[in-house]
Amino acid sequence: MADDATPVFQIQRMYLKDLSLEQPNSPQILLEQSQPQVDINLGMGAAPVADGVFEVTVTATVTTKVKDQVLFLVEAKQAGIFEIRNVPEEQMQGIISIVCPQMIYPYLRAIVSDVCTRAGFPPILLTEVNFQAMFEAQQAQQQAAADGDGASRIITGMN
């Protein structure tokens, strides 16, 4: 009957796509007693894998410095493969940019925290992220660019 038009949203798989830890100034920098500065940047990506199947990624880059020297750098990319079919086009981008990253992000948070701890540092706890607000800001920026207003800017990094 109308089964071919039934909306489908399924997680096919969640996985760690990439992970990197660097301590370029160890062991000397480990003797420093100064408070480190932590810079966290998040990124998202999405790409079709097959008809109705998408890979969505969320990347966190954590750079920790002491006196302008890198103490450690962690970059983690968590990914998910999602089957999304028969969803209205106007809803598709929201699902890929909001719903999927919200499902992936808790895994990424746990990985970053665990890697920091296993490297001998206190855990870095990534704060909660409002992916809907990020998506809406991105849409507003794109609309402003389309309207010729270059004054709008979005800051994607967190401090």
C-alpha atoms as a PDB file:
ATOM      1  CA  MET A   1       0.000   0.000   0.000  1.00  0.00           C
ATOM      2  CA  ALA A   2       1.632   3.300   1.092  1.00  0.00           C
ATOM      3  CA  ASP A   3       4.561   1.591   2.829  1.00  0.00           C
ATOM      4  CA  ASP A   4       6.983   3.010   0.260  1.00  0.00           C
ATOM      5  CA  ALA A   5       6.168   6.531   1.503  1.00  0.00           C
ATOM      6  CA  THR A   6       6.566   5.792   5.220  1.00  0.00           C
ATOM      7  CA  PRO A   7       9.280   8.030   6.728  1.00  0.00           C
ATOM      8  CA  VAL A   8      12.332   6.105   7.897  1.00  0.00           C
ATOM      9  CA  PHE A   9      14.966   7.285  10.386  1.00  0.00           C
ATOM     10  CA  GLN A  10      17.356   4.636  11.702  1.00  0.00           C
ATOM     11  CA  ILE A  11      20.834   4.597  13.134  1.00  0.00           C
ATOM     12  CA  GLN A  12      22.831   2.053  11.168  1.00  0.00           C
ATOM     13  CA  ARG A  13      26.069   2.456  13.135  1.00  0.00           C
ATOM     14  CA  MET A  14      27.987   4.774  15.488  1.00  0.00           C
ATOM     15  CA  TYR A  15      31.759   4.670  15.351  1.00  0.00           C
ATOM     16  CA  LEU A  16      34.954   6.517  16.151  1.00  0.00           C
ATOM     17  CA  LYS A  17      36.253   7.686  12.780  1.00  0.00           C
ATOM     18  CA  ASP A  18      39.460   9.408  13.855  1.00  0.00           C
ATOM     19  CA  LEU A  19      41.362  10.036  17.081  1.00  0.00           C
ATOM     20  CA  SER A  20      44.618  11.860  17.666  1.00  0.00           C
ATOM     21  CA  LEU A  21      46.533  12.783  20.826  1.00  0.00           C
ATOM     22  CA  GLU A  22      49.707  14.836  20.726  1.00  0.00           C
ATOM     23  CA  GLN A  23      51.985  15.960  23.551  1.00  0.00           C
ATOM     24  CA  PRO A  24      54.660  17.774  21.540  1.00  0.00           C
ATOM     25  CA  ASN A  25      56.453  19.396  24.481  1.00  0.00           C
ATOM     26  CA  SER A  26      56.502  16.480  26.913  1.00  0.00           C
ATOM     27  CA  PRO A  27      58.093  15.752  29.284  1.00  0.00           C
ATOM     28  CA  GLN A  28      59.506  19.248  30.021  1.00  0.00           C
ATOM     29  CA  ILE A  29      56.142  21.026  29.917  1.00  0.00           C
ATOM     30  CA  LEU A  30      54.709  18.587  32.461  1.00  0.00           C
ATOM     31  CA  LEU A  31      56.909  20.237  35.092  1.00  0.00           C
ATOM     32  CA  GLU A  32      55.199  23.623  34.594  1.00  0.00           C
ATOM     33  CA  GLN A  33      52.954  24.711  37.450  1.00  0.00           C
ATOM     34  CA  SER A  34      50.922  27.290  35.502  1.00  0.00           C
ATOM     35  CA  GLN A  35      47.209  26.977  34.870  1.00  0.00           C
ATOM     36  CA  PRO A  36      46.638  25.695  31.325  1.00  0.00           C
ATOM     37  CA  GLN A  37      44.473  27.496  28.774  1.00  0.00           C
ATOM     38  CA  VAL A  38      41.957  25.242  27.015  1.00  0.00           C
ATOM     39  CA  ASP A  39      40.548  26.000  23.559  1.00  0.00           C
ATOM     40  CA  ILE A  40      37.766  23.787  22.192  1.00  0.00           C
ATOM     41  CA  ASN A  41      36.494  23.858  18.604  1.00  0.00           C
ATOM     42  CA  LEU A  42      33.635  21.800  17.236  1.00  0.00           C
ATOM     43  CA  GLY A  43      32.898  20.935  13.634  1.00  0.00           C
ATOM     44  CA  MET A  44      30.186  18.994  11.870  1.00  0.00           C
ATOM     45  CA  GLY A  45      29.961  17.323   8.515  1.00  0.00           C
ATOM     46  CA  ALA A  46      27.542  15.196   6.546  1.00  0.00           C
ATOM     47  CA  ALA A  47      27.857  13.256   3.320  1.00  0.00           C
ATOM     48  CA  PRO A  48      25.633  10.835   1.434  1.00  0.00           C
ATOM     49  CA  VAL A  49      26.902   7.253   1.505  1.00  0.00           C
ATOM     50  CA  ALA A  50      24.185   5.616  -0.581  1.00  0.00           C
ATOM     51  CA  ASP A  51      20.620   6.400  -1.567  1.00  0.00           C
ATOM     52  CA  GLY A  52      18.904   7.471   1.677  1.00  0.00           C
ATOM     53  CA  VAL A  53      21.993   6.726   3.795  1.00  0.00           C
ATOM     54  CA  PHE A  54      24.169   9.485   5.276  1.00  0.00           C
ATOM     55  CA  GLU A  55      27.346   9.676   7.320  1.00  0.00           C
ATOM     56  CA  VAL A  56      27.238  12.492   9.866  1.00  0.00           C
ATOM     57  CA  THR A  57      30.384  13.462  11.784  1.00  0.00           C
ATOM     58  CA  VAL A  58      31.056  15.669  14.788  1.00  0.00           C
ATOM     59  CA  THR A  59      34.670  16.663  15.440  1.00  0.00           C
ATOM     60  CA  ALA A  60      36.141  18.146  18.611  1.00  0.00           C
ATOM     61  CA  THR A  61      39.599  19.693  18.660  1.00  0.00           C
ATOM     62  CA  VAL A  62      40.906  20.427  22.145  1.00  0.00           C
ATOM     63  CA  THR A  63      44.131  22.428  22.400  1.00  0.00           C
ATOM     64  CA  THR A  64      45.581  22.916  25.875  1.00  0.00           C
ATOM     65  CA  LYS A  65      48.480  25.353  26.299  1.00  0.00           C
ATOM     66  CA  VAL A  66      50.740  26.461  29.110  1.00  0.00           C
ATOM     67  CA  LYS A  67      52.561  29.754  28.494  1.00  0.00           C
ATOM     68  CA  ASP A  68      51.932  29.578  24.714  1.00  0.00           C
ATOM     69  CA  GLN A  69      53.330  26.035  24.484  1.00  0.00           C
ATOM     70  CA  VAL A  70      51.049  23.130  23.636  1.00  0.00           C
ATOM     71  CA  LEU A  71      50.585  20.841  26.605  1.00  0.00           C
ATOM     72  CA  PHE A  72      48.383  18.459  24.661  1.00  0.00           C
ATOM     73  CA  LEU A  73      46.123  18.402  21.636  1.00  0.00           C
ATOM     74  CA  VAL A  74      43.233  15.976  21.179  1.00  0.00           C
ATOM     75  CA  GLU A  75      41.237  15.685  17.983  1.00  0.00           C
ATOM     76  CA  ALA A  76      38.375  13.222  17.879  1.00  0.00           C
ATOM     77  CA  LYS A  77      35.864  12.610  15.109  1.00  0.00           C
ATOM     78  CA  GLN A  78      32.795  10.581  16.007  1.00  0.00           C
ATOM     79  CA  ALA A  79      30.557   9.446  13.181  1.00  0.00           C
ATOM     80  CA  GLY A  80      27.220   7.851  12.628  1.00  0.00           C
ATOM     81  CA  ILE A  81      25.572   6.262   9.625  1.00  0.00           C
ATOM     82  CA  PHE A  82      21.886   7.084   9.405  1.00  0.00           C
ATOM     83  CA  GLU A  83      19.193   5.799   7.086  1.00  0.00           C
ATOM     84  CA  ILE A  84      16.826   8.675   6.301  1.00  0.00           C
ATOM     85  CA  ARG A  85      14.134   8.059   3.701  1.00  0.00           C
ATOM     86  CA  ASN A  86      10.801   9.562   2.679  1.00  0.00           C
ATOM     87  CA  VAL A  87      11.316  12.675   4.774  1.00  0.00           C
ATOM     88  CA  PRO A  88      10.137  16.005   3.336  1.00  0.00           C
ATOM     89  CA  GLU A  89      13.057  17.956   1.850  1.00  0.00           C
ATOM     90  CA  GLU A  90      12.444  20.960   4.133  1.00  0.00           C
ATOM     91  CA  GLN A  91      12.949  18.690   7.187  1.00  0.00           C
ATOM     92  CA  MET A  92      15.957  16.758   5.874  1.00  0.00           C
ATOM     93  CA  GLN A  93      18.594  19.407   6.620  1.00  0.00           C
ATOM     94  CA  GLY A  94      17.306  19.831  10.174  1.00  0.00           C
ATOM     95  CA  ILE A  95      17.501  16.099  10.809  1.00  0.00           C
ATOM     96  CA  ILE A  96      21.046  15.894   9.451  1.00  0.00           C
ATOM     97  CA  SER A  97      22.232  19.085  11.190  1.00  0.00           C
ATOM     98  CA  ILE A  98      20.392  18.806  14.524  1.00  0.00           C
ATOM     99  CA  VAL A  99      19.027  15.339  15.310  1.00  0.00           C
ATOM    100  CA  CYS A 100      21.989  13.272  14.094  1.00  0.00           C
ATOM    101  CA  PRO A 101      24.704  15.389  15.816  1.00  0.00           C
ATOM    102  CA  GLN A 102      22.681  15.318  19.057  1.00  0.00           C
ATOM    103  CA  MET A 103      22.846  11.526  18.941  1.00  0.00           C
ATOM    104  CA  ILE A 104      26.568  11.434  18.119  1.00  0.00           C
ATOM    105  CA  TYR A 105      27.776  14.115  20.548  1.00  0.00           C
ATOM    106  CA  PRO A 106      27.505  12.134  23.838  1.00  0.00           C
ATOM    107  CA  TYR A 107      29.879   9.517  22.407  1.00  0.00           C
ATOM    108  CA  LEU A 108      32.330  12.237  21.387  1.00  0.00           C
ATOM    109  CA  ARG A 109      32.188  13.822  24.854  1.00  0.00           C
ATOM    110  CA  ALA A 110      32.992  10.502  26.511  1.00  0.00           C
ATOM    111  CA  ILE A 111      35.887   9.788  24.150  1.00  0.00           C
ATOM    112  CA  VAL A 112      37.537  13.194  24.672  1.00  0.00           C
ATOM    113  CA  SER A 113      37.227  12.899  28.440  1.00  0.00           C
ATOM    114  CA  ASP A 114      38.584   9.328  28.434  1.00  0.00           C
ATOM    115  CA  VAL A 115      41.555  10.147  26.176  1.00  0.00           C
ATOM    116  CA  CYS A 116      42.579  13.080  28.367  1.00  0.00           C
ATOM    117  CA  THR A 117      42.397  10.932  31.497  1.00  0.00           C
ATOM    118  CA  ARG A 118      44.338   8.069  29.918  1.00  0.00           C
ATOM    119  CA  ALA A 119      46.998  10.549  28.788  1.00  0.00           C
ATOM    120  CA  GLY A 120      47.543  11.527  32.424  1.00  0.00           C
ATOM    121  CA  PHE A 121      45.600  14.802  32.465  1.00  0.00           C
ATOM    122  CA  PRO A 122      42.372  15.836  34.162  1.00  0.00           C
ATOM    123  CA  PRO A 123      39.361  15.033  31.971  1.00  0.00           C
ATOM    124  CA  ILE A 124      38.153  17.702  29.570  1.00  0.00           C
ATOM    125  CA  LEU A 125      34.388  17.812  29.888  1.00  0.00           C
ATOM    126  CA  LEU A 126      32.828  19.183  26.733  1.00  0.00           C
ATOM    127  CA  THR A 127      29.768  21.269  27.539  1.00  0.00           C
ATOM    128  CA  GLU A 128      26.345  20.508  26.151  1.00  0.00           C
ATOM    129  CA  VAL A 129      25.773  21.944  22.689  1.00  0.00           C
ATOM    130  CA  ASN A 130      22.525  23.324  21.313  1.00  0.00           C
ATOM    131  CA  PHE A 131      22.732  22.009  17.758  1.00  0.00           C
ATOM    132  CA  GLN A 132      19.398  23.613  16.897  1.00  0.00           C
ATOM    133  CA  ALA A 133      20.750  27.071  17.799  1.00  0.00           C
ATOM    134  CA  MET A 134      23.904  26.369  15.771  1.00  0.00           C
ATOM    135  CA  PHE A 135      21.792  25.293  12.793  1.00  0.00           C
ATOM    136  CA  GLU A 136      19.551  28.353  13.046  1.00  0.00           C
ATOM    137  CA  ALA A 137      22.587  30.656  13.272  1.00  0.00           C
ATOM    138  CA  GLN A 138      24.091  28.968  10.218  1.00  0.00           C
ATOM    139  CA  GLN A 139      20.814  29.395   8.332  1.00  0.00           C
ATOM    140  CA  ALA A 140      20.699  33.091   9.317  1.00  0.00           C
ATOM    141  CA  GLN A 141      24.288  33.540   8.125  1.00  0.00           C
ATOM    142  CA  GLN A 142      23.500  31.889   4.807  1.00  0.00           C
ATOM    143  CA  GLN A 143      20.381  34.049   4.427  1.00  0.00           C
ATOM    144  CA  ALA A 144      22.384  37.195   5.216  1.00  0.00           C
ATOM    145  CA  ALA A 145      25.021  36.182   2.660  1.00  0.00           C
ATOM    146  CA  ALA A 146      22.297  35.550   0.080  1.00  0.00           C
ATOM    147  CA  ASP A 147      20.841  38.992   0.844  1.00  0.00           C
ATOM    148  CA  GLY A 148      24.282  40.563   0.358  1.00  0.00           C
ATOM    149  CA  ASP A 149      24.754  41.466   4.020  1.00  0.00           C
ATOM    150  CA  GLY A 150      28.342  40.564   4.887  1.00  0.00           C
ATOM    151  CA  ALA A 151      28.004  41.828   8.475  1.00  0.00           C
ATOM    152  CA  SER A 152      26.755  38.533   9.908  1.00  0.00           C
ATOM    153  CA  ARG A 153      29.348  36.178  11.361  1.00  0.00           C
ATOM    154  CA  ILE A 154      29.123  32.963  13.290  1.00  0.00           C
ATOM    155  CA  ILE A 155      31.732  31.854  15.773  1.00  0.00           C
ATOM    156  CA  THR A 156      31.944  28.075  15.722  1.00  0.00           C
ATOM    157  CA  GLY A 157      34.625  27.637  18.350  1.00  0.00           C
ATOM    158  CA  MET A 158      34.089  27.557  22.109  1.00  0.00           C
ATOM    159  CA  ASN A 159      36.528  28.761  24.753  1.00  0.00           C
END
